[in-house]
Amino acid sequence: MIGARRGVRNDRAVVPAFGVNAQGWGDMYPKGGNMLHTIRAIIDDDAKWRDILRGLNKTFYHQTVTGKQVEDYISRESGIDLSKVFAQYLTTTKIPVFEYRVQGSTLSYRWANVVPGFDMPVRVNIPGSGARLLHPTEAWQTLEASPRAAELSVDENFYVAASPAS
């Protein structure tokens, strides 16, 4: 899935406006697949993720369902409200940006380029501090980290961009 990101154009939302005679878009497969891979990384439990996927097939067997039904099912079964994650990746062309800056050993971070109320954890590796699961919001947050925090990297399983803040 990570390699498929190169093919995502992000020039139109995956889900077109409801009630308009419009079709899905070419990004639906690579971007949708990367969104699902990101949700898998958020859940961080492959057995649970597999059960959710199998449960979708069992629950909705031989039914015509809406995207909302699928979204609600995944949120309910994962125990995580993923509504803003779905809104971000399906209804906008914006890829979340993990913005950060480092002063001394203090790491400040936030989400940018996101839908209002975007709520998604992200795993980062901070040299000297190790892997951490952070819960950014649109407001700046801080964390005492290693002086090498400026060298952080975001887990590539999360479909986001990382950018030092200016």
Protein backbone atom coordinates (compact mmCIF):
# COMPACT_ATOMS: atom_id res chain seq x y z
CA MET A 1 0.00 0.00 0.00
CA ILE A 2 2.79 2.41 0.83
CA GLY A 3 4.14 2.15 -2.73
CA ALA A 4 0.69 2.89 -4.16
CA ARG A 5 0.83 6.41 -2.68
CA ARG A 6 2.85 7.60 -5.65
CA GLY A 7 -0.23 7.02 -7.81
CA VAL A 8 -2.59 9.13 -5.69
CA ARG A 9 -3.31 12.41 -7.47
CA ASN A 10 -5.54 14.00 -4.81
CA ASP A 11 -7.15 16.27 -7.36
CA ARG A 12 -10.71 15.28 -6.40
CA ALA A 13 -12.31 13.76 -3.32
CA VAL A 14 -12.81 10.00 -3.40
CA VAL A 15 -16.47 10.36 -2.42
CA PRO A 16 -18.35 12.83 -4.63
CA ALA A 17 -21.08 15.12 -3.32
CA PHE A 18 -24.11 13.08 -2.25
CA GLY A 19 -27.17 13.27 -4.50
CA VAL A 20 -25.21 14.48 -7.51
CA ASN A 21 -24.91 12.28 -10.56
CA ALA A 22 -21.20 11.70 -10.12
CA GLN A 23 -18.98 8.66 -10.16
CA GLY A 24 -16.17 7.67 -7.90
CA TRP A 25 -12.69 8.75 -8.85
CA GLY A 26 -9.49 6.96 -9.89
CA ASP A 27 -7.93 7.65 -6.50
CA MET A 28 -10.53 5.50 -4.79
CA TYR A 29 -8.38 2.38 -4.88
CA PRO A 30 -4.88 3.63 -3.99
CA LYS A 31 -6.08 6.34 -1.60
CA GLY A 32 -8.83 4.17 -0.13
CA GLY A 33 -6.39 1.30 0.33
CA ASN A 34 -3.93 3.60 2.07
CA MET A 35 -6.70 4.93 4.30
CA LEU A 36 -7.57 1.36 5.31
CA HIS A 37 -3.88 0.59 5.89
CA THR A 38 -3.71 3.68 8.13
CA ILE A 39 -6.76 2.49 10.07
CA ARG A 40 -5.06 -0.88 10.47
CA ALA A 41 -2.05 0.96 11.97
CA ILE A 42 -4.35 2.95 14.28
CA ILE A 43 -6.03 -0.23 15.55
CA ASP A 44 -2.56 -1.83 15.93
CA ASP A 45 -3.96 -5.33 16.37
CA ASP A 46 -3.88 -7.48 13.24
CA ALA A 47 -6.12 -10.19 14.68
CA LYS A 48 -8.78 -7.58 15.50
CA TRP A 49 -8.37 -5.96 12.07
CA ARG A 50 -8.81 -9.33 10.35
CA ASP A 51 -11.94 -9.97 12.45
CA ILE A 52 -13.33 -6.58 11.42
CA LEU A 53 -12.76 -7.31 7.72
CA ARG A 54 -14.29 -10.76 8.00
CA GLY A 55 -17.13 -9.31 10.07
CA LEU A 56 -17.94 -6.84 7.31
CA ASN A 57 -18.44 -9.74 4.91
CA LYS A 58 -20.53 -11.71 7.39
CA THR A 59 -22.64 -8.78 8.64
CA PHE A 60 -23.41 -7.32 5.23
CA TYR A 61 -23.52 -10.58 3.25
CA HIS A 62 -25.64 -10.18 0.10
CA GLN A 63 -26.70 -6.65 1.03
CA THR A 64 -26.39 -3.31 -0.64
CA VAL A 65 -24.91 -1.00 1.97
CA THR A 66 -23.88 2.62 2.25
CA GLY A 67 -20.40 3.89 2.94
CA LYS A 68 -21.70 5.24 6.24
CA GLN A 69 -22.79 1.76 7.32
CA VAL A 70 -19.30 0.43 6.61
CA GLU A 71 -17.66 3.38 8.39
CA ASP A 72 -19.93 2.97 11.43
CA TYR A 73 -19.25 -0.77 11.55
CA ILE A 74 -15.46 -0.31 11.49
CA SER A 75 -15.65 2.39 14.18
CA ARG A 76 -17.92 0.31 16.39
CA GLU A 77 -15.94 -2.92 16.07
CA SER A 78 -12.59 -1.20 16.56
CA GLY A 79 -13.84 0.74 19.57
CA ILE A 80 -12.41 3.93 18.01
CA ASP A 81 -14.39 6.84 16.57
CA LEU A 82 -12.92 6.96 13.08
CA SER A 83 -15.49 9.38 11.61
CA LYS A 84 -12.99 12.22 11.19
CA VAL A 85 -10.44 9.85 9.64
CA PHE A 86 -13.02 8.77 7.06
CA ALA A 87 -14.05 12.39 6.45
CA GLN A 88 -10.42 13.44 5.96
CA TYR A 89 -9.41 10.77 3.47
CA LEU A 90 -12.68 10.30 1.60
CA THR A 91 -14.28 13.75 1.35
CA THR A 92 -11.22 16.00 0.91
CA THR A 93 -8.09 16.05 -1.19
CA LYS A 94 -6.01 16.99 1.84
CA ILE A 95 -3.42 14.66 3.35
CA PRO A 96 -2.90 15.30 7.08
CA VAL A 97 0.36 17.06 7.88
CA PHE A 98 2.13 16.27 11.14
CA GLU A 99 3.79 19.61 11.84
CA TYR A 100 6.51 19.78 14.45
CA ARG A 101 9.26 21.98 15.81
CA VAL A 102 11.98 21.38 18.35
CA GLN A 103 13.42 23.81 20.86
CA GLY A 104 16.14 22.23 22.97
CA SER A 105 14.66 18.89 23.94
CA THR A 106 11.01 20.05 23.70
CA LEU A 107 9.03 18.72 20.77
CA SER A 108 5.95 20.73 19.78
CA TYR A 109 3.54 19.13 17.33
CA ARG A 110 0.05 19.39 15.81
CA TRP A 111 -2.09 18.37 12.85
CA ALA A 112 -2.37 20.78 9.92
CA ASN A 113 -4.26 20.47 6.62
CA VAL A 114 -7.07 18.55 8.31
CA VAL A 115 -10.84 18.63 8.66
CA PRO A 116 -12.07 20.42 11.81
CA GLY A 117 -11.85 18.14 14.82
CA PHE A 118 -9.51 15.67 13.10
CA ASP A 119 -8.65 13.02 15.65
CA MET A 120 -6.05 10.44 14.73
CA PRO A 121 -3.07 9.13 16.67
CA VAL A 122 0.24 8.76 14.87
CA ARG A 123 3.34 6.75 15.70
CA VAL A 124 6.67 8.53 15.48
CA ASN A 125 10.23 7.44 16.12
CA ILE A 126 12.32 9.96 18.01
CA PRO A 127 16.04 9.16 18.05
CA GLY A 128 17.12 8.86 21.67
CA SER A 129 13.51 8.48 22.87
CA GLY A 130 12.24 5.58 20.74
CA ALA A 131 8.84 4.97 19.18
CA ARG A 132 5.93 6.95 20.63
CA LEU A 133 2.23 7.03 19.85
CA LEU A 134 1.20 10.67 19.84
CA HIS A 135 -2.32 12.11 19.79
CA PRO A 136 -1.97 15.41 17.92
CA THR A 137 -4.81 17.88 17.61
CA GLU A 138 -5.02 21.09 15.61
CA ALA A 139 -3.60 22.93 18.66
CA TRP A 140 0.08 22.77 19.45
CA GLN A 141 1.08 20.22 22.10
CA THR A 142 4.48 19.65 23.67
CA LEU A 143 6.51 16.69 24.79
CA GLU A 144 9.89 16.48 26.48
CA ALA A 145 11.99 14.36 24.18
CA SER A 146 15.59 13.80 23.25
CA PRO A 147 17.67 16.68 21.88
CA ARG A 148 17.63 14.68 18.61
CA ALA A 149 13.84 15.06 18.28
CA ALA A 150 14.34 17.17 15.14
CA GLU A 151 15.39 13.91 13.44
CA LEU A 152 12.04 12.25 14.13
CA SER A 153 10.31 10.10 11.54
CA VAL A 154 6.65 9.22 11.20
CA ASP A 155 5.75 5.53 10.89
CA GLU A 156 5.22 5.04 7.15
CA ASN A 157 2.14 2.90 7.83
CA PHE A 158 0.29 6.15 8.55
CA TYR A 159 -0.71 7.98 5.35
CA VAL A 160 0.39 11.44 6.46
CA ALA A 161 3.04 13.98 5.60
CA ALA A 162 5.52 15.29 8.17
CA SER A 163 6.85 18.81 8.05
CA PRO A 164 8.97 20.95 10.33
CA ALA A 165 6.93 24.06 11.17
CA SER A 166 8.24 27.38 9.99
